């Protein structure tokens, strides 16, 4: 990363119309640090779930079934 003042126009990939004068350093750093887990759903699966809430509810229900099954297996 270059220090301010070390700008070399010959190595500039940014176009003149890009304006970062109001940019905030680290604006998304906290969100990034918390982490994000994105999963791309296949089209046939995405048709069943209208939004992220529906996906999360279905996965929580499945997780409960798996936990219950595992608890029965350990008890046996």
N, C-alpha and C. Protein backbone atom coordinates (compact mmCIF):
# COMPACT_ATOMS: atom_id res chain seq x y z
N UNK A 1 0.84 -1.17 0.00
CA UNK A 1 0.00 0.00 0.00
C UNK A 1 0.89 1.24 0.00
N UNK A 2 0.53 2.19 -0.83
CA UNK A 2 1.35 3.40 -0.93
C UNK A 2 1.00 4.38 0.18
N UNK A 3 1.99 5.13 0.57
CA UNK A 3 1.76 6.20 1.52
C UNK A 3 1.23 7.41 0.77
N UNK A 4 0.42 8.23 1.43
CA UNK A 4 -0.06 9.45 0.77
C UNK A 4 1.13 10.29 0.31
N UNK A 5 1.00 10.85 -0.88
CA UNK A 5 2.06 11.68 -1.40
C UNK A 5 3.00 10.92 -2.33
N UNK A 6 2.90 9.59 -2.35
CA UNK A 6 3.74 8.78 -3.22
C UNK A 6 2.99 8.33 -4.46
N UNK A 7 2.13 9.17 -4.98
CA UNK A 7 1.30 8.82 -6.13
C UNK A 7 2.11 8.85 -7.41
N UNK A 8 2.05 7.76 -8.15
CA UNK A 8 2.76 7.68 -9.44
C UNK A 8 1.72 7.54 -10.54
N UNK A 9 1.41 8.61 -11.29
CA UNK A 9 0.38 8.55 -12.32
C UNK A 9 0.63 7.48 -13.37
N UNK A 10 1.87 7.07 -13.60
CA UNK A 10 2.17 6.04 -14.59
C UNK A 10 1.62 4.68 -14.16
N UNK A 11 1.48 4.46 -12.85
CA UNK A 11 0.98 3.19 -12.33
C UNK A 11 -0.46 3.31 -11.83
N UNK A 12 -1.17 4.32 -12.26
CA UNK A 12 -2.52 4.59 -11.77
C UNK A 12 -3.55 3.82 -12.59
N UNK A 13 -4.24 2.88 -11.94
CA UNK A 13 -5.31 2.13 -12.60
C UNK A 13 -6.67 2.78 -12.41
N UNK A 14 -6.75 3.79 -11.56
CA UNK A 14 -8.02 4.44 -11.28
C UNK A 14 -8.29 5.53 -12.30
N UNK A 15 -9.53 5.61 -12.71
CA UNK A 15 -9.93 6.64 -13.64
C UNK A 15 -10.12 7.96 -12.91
N UNK A 16 -10.00 9.06 -13.62
CA UNK A 16 -10.12 10.39 -13.00
C UNK A 16 -11.49 10.61 -12.37
N UNK A 17 -12.53 9.97 -12.91
CA UNK A 17 -13.88 10.22 -12.38
C UNK A 17 -14.16 9.49 -11.07
N UNK A 18 -13.25 8.64 -10.60
CA UNK A 18 -13.41 8.01 -9.30
C UNK A 18 -13.09 9.04 -8.23
N UNK A 19 -14.04 9.26 -7.34
CA UNK A 19 -13.88 10.29 -6.31
C UNK A 19 -13.93 9.64 -4.93
N UNK A 20 -12.81 9.57 -4.27
CA UNK A 20 -12.74 9.00 -2.94
C UNK A 20 -12.54 10.07 -1.88
N UNK A 21 -12.89 11.31 -2.20
CA UNK A 21 -12.64 12.40 -1.26
C UNK A 21 -13.49 12.27 0.00
N UNK A 22 -14.64 11.59 -0.08
CA UNK A 22 -15.48 11.39 1.10
C UNK A 22 -15.35 9.97 1.65
N UNK A 23 -14.34 9.24 1.22
CA UNK A 23 -14.16 7.86 1.66
C UNK A 23 -13.87 7.79 3.15
N UNK A 24 -14.31 6.72 3.77
CA UNK A 24 -14.07 6.50 5.18
C UNK A 24 -13.17 5.28 5.31
N UNK A 25 -12.03 5.45 5.93
CA UNK A 25 -11.09 4.35 6.12
C UNK A 25 -11.65 3.38 7.15
N UNK A 26 -11.69 2.11 6.80
CA UNK A 26 -12.14 1.09 7.74
C UNK A 26 -13.64 1.05 7.94
N UNK A 27 -14.41 1.61 7.03
CA UNK A 27 -15.87 1.70 7.19
C UNK A 27 -16.49 0.33 7.45
N UNK A 28 -16.02 -0.69 6.79
CA UNK A 28 -16.60 -2.03 6.92
C UNK A 28 -15.71 -2.99 7.71
N UNK A 29 -14.69 -2.49 8.36
CA UNK A 29 -13.72 -3.35 9.05
C UNK A 29 -14.38 -4.17 10.15
N UNK A 30 -15.26 -3.57 10.94
CA UNK A 30 -15.90 -4.30 12.04
C UNK A 30 -16.78 -5.42 11.49
N UNK A 31 -17.55 -5.12 10.45
CA UNK A 31 -18.42 -6.13 9.84
C UNK A 31 -17.56 -7.27 9.28
N UNK A 32 -16.46 -6.93 8.64
CA UNK A 32 -15.57 -7.94 8.09
C UNK A 32 -14.98 -8.81 9.20
N UNK A 33 -14.60 -8.18 10.30
CA UNK A 33 -13.98 -8.90 11.41
C UNK A 33 -14.95 -9.90 12.03
N UNK A 34 -16.23 -9.56 12.04
CA UNK A 34 -17.24 -10.49 12.58
C UNK A 34 -17.38 -11.71 11.70
N UNK A 35 -17.08 -11.56 10.44
CA UNK A 35 -17.15 -12.68 9.51
C UNK A 35 -18.52 -12.80 8.88
N UNK A 36 -18.52 -13.32 7.70
CA UNK A 36 -19.75 -13.54 6.96
C UNK A 36 -19.63 -14.89 6.30
N UNK A 37 -20.71 -15.63 6.34
CA UNK A 37 -20.72 -16.94 5.71
C UNK A 37 -21.78 -16.93 4.63
N UNK A 38 -21.34 -16.79 3.39
CA UNK A 38 -22.27 -16.77 2.28
C UNK A 38 -22.28 -18.13 1.61
N UNK A 39 -23.47 -18.56 1.22
CA UNK A 39 -23.62 -19.83 0.52
C UNK A 39 -24.46 -19.58 -0.72
N UNK A 40 -23.99 -20.04 -1.85
CA UNK A 40 -24.74 -19.90 -3.09
C UNK A 40 -25.66 -21.10 -3.23
N UNK A 41 -26.96 -20.83 -3.30
CA UNK A 41 -27.94 -21.89 -3.44
C UNK A 41 -28.11 -22.25 -4.91
N UNK A 42 -28.28 -23.53 -5.19
CA UNK A 42 -28.61 -23.94 -6.54
C UNK A 42 -29.99 -23.39 -6.88
N UNK A 43 -30.25 -23.11 -8.15
CA UNK A 43 -31.53 -22.51 -8.55
C UNK A 43 -32.76 -23.27 -8.06
N UNK A 44 -32.72 -24.60 -8.11
CA UNK A 44 -33.89 -25.37 -7.67
C UNK A 44 -34.14 -25.22 -6.18
N UNK A 45 -33.08 -25.07 -5.40
CA UNK A 45 -33.23 -24.87 -3.95
C UNK A 45 -33.70 -23.44 -3.69
N UNK A 46 -33.15 -22.47 -4.39
CA UNK A 46 -33.52 -21.07 -4.20
C UNK A 46 -35.00 -20.82 -4.50
N UNK A 47 -35.58 -21.61 -5.40
CA UNK A 47 -37.00 -21.44 -5.71
C UNK A 47 -37.89 -21.71 -4.50
N UNK A 48 -37.43 -22.57 -3.61
CA UNK A 48 -38.24 -22.98 -2.45
C UNK A 48 -38.20 -21.94 -1.34
N UNK A 49 -37.10 -21.17 -1.28
CA UNK A 49 -36.90 -20.24 -0.17
C UNK A 49 -36.97 -18.80 -0.68
N UNK A 50 -37.96 -18.03 -0.21
CA UNK A 50 -38.11 -16.66 -0.71
C UNK A 50 -37.05 -15.68 -0.21
N UNK A 51 -36.43 -16.00 0.94
CA UNK A 51 -35.45 -15.06 1.50
C UNK A 51 -34.54 -15.78 2.50
N UNK A 52 -33.59 -15.03 3.05
CA UNK A 52 -32.62 -15.59 3.99
C UNK A 52 -33.30 -16.12 5.25
N UNK A 53 -34.35 -15.46 5.69
CA UNK A 53 -35.06 -15.91 6.89
C UNK A 53 -35.61 -17.31 6.70
N UNK A 54 -36.19 -17.57 5.55
CA UNK A 54 -36.75 -18.90 5.26
C UNK A 54 -35.65 -19.96 5.24
N UNK A 55 -34.52 -19.62 4.66
CA UNK A 55 -33.39 -20.56 4.62
C UNK A 55 -32.91 -20.85 6.03
N UNK A 56 -32.74 -19.81 6.83
CA UNK A 56 -32.26 -19.99 8.20
C UNK A 56 -33.24 -20.81 9.04
N UNK A 57 -34.53 -20.56 8.90
CA UNK A 57 -35.52 -21.33 9.65
C UNK A 57 -35.46 -22.80 9.28
N UNK A 58 -35.35 -23.09 7.99
CA UNK A 58 -35.28 -24.48 7.54
C UNK A 58 -34.01 -25.16 8.05
N UNK A 59 -32.89 -24.45 7.99
CA UNK A 59 -31.64 -25.04 8.47
C UNK A 59 -31.65 -25.25 9.98
N UNK A 60 -32.27 -24.33 10.72
CA UNK A 60 -32.38 -24.53 12.18
C UNK A 60 -33.24 -25.74 12.51
N UNK A 61 -34.34 -25.91 11.77
CA UNK A 61 -35.20 -27.08 11.98
C UNK A 61 -34.42 -28.36 11.69
N UNK A 62 -33.68 -28.37 10.60
CA UNK A 62 -32.88 -29.54 10.26
C UNK A 62 -31.80 -29.79 11.31
N UNK A 63 -31.17 -28.72 11.79
CA UNK A 63 -30.15 -28.86 12.82
C UNK A 63 -30.74 -29.47 14.09
N UNK A 64 -31.96 -29.08 14.45
CA UNK A 64 -32.62 -29.66 15.63
C UNK A 64 -32.87 -31.15 15.44
N UNK A 65 -33.28 -31.55 14.24
CA UNK A 65 -33.51 -32.97 13.95
C UNK A 65 -32.19 -33.74 14.08
N UNK A 66 -31.12 -33.19 13.55
CA UNK A 66 -29.81 -33.86 13.62
C UNK A 66 -29.35 -33.96 15.07
N UNK A 67 -29.51 -32.88 15.83
CA UNK A 67 -29.10 -32.92 17.25
C UNK A 67 -29.89 -33.97 18.02
N UNK A 68 -31.20 -34.05 17.78
CA UNK A 68 -32.04 -35.02 18.47
C UNK A 68 -31.61 -36.44 18.09
N UNK A 69 -31.32 -36.67 16.82
CA UNK A 69 -30.88 -37.98 16.37
C UNK A 69 -29.56 -38.35 17.04
N UNK A 70 -28.63 -37.39 17.08
CA UNK A 70 -27.34 -37.65 17.69
C UNK A 70 -27.47 -37.92 19.19
N UNK A 71 -28.36 -37.21 19.84
CA UNK A 71 -28.58 -37.42 21.28
C UNK A 71 -29.14 -38.82 21.53
N UNK A 72 -30.04 -39.29 20.66
CA UNK A 72 -30.60 -40.65 20.81
C UNK A 72 -29.50 -41.69 20.56
N UNK A 73 -28.62 -41.42 19.62
CA UNK A 73 -27.54 -42.35 19.32
C UNK A 73 -26.57 -42.48 20.50
N UNK A 74 -26.28 -41.36 21.14
CA UNK A 74 -25.37 -41.39 22.30
C UNK A 74 -26.02 -42.07 23.49
N UNK A 75 -27.33 -41.93 23.63
CA UNK A 75 -28.04 -42.51 24.78
C UNK A 75 -28.19 -44.02 24.63
N UNK A 76 -28.14 -44.50 23.41
CA UNK A 76 -28.36 -45.94 23.16
C UNK A 76 -27.17 -46.79 23.52
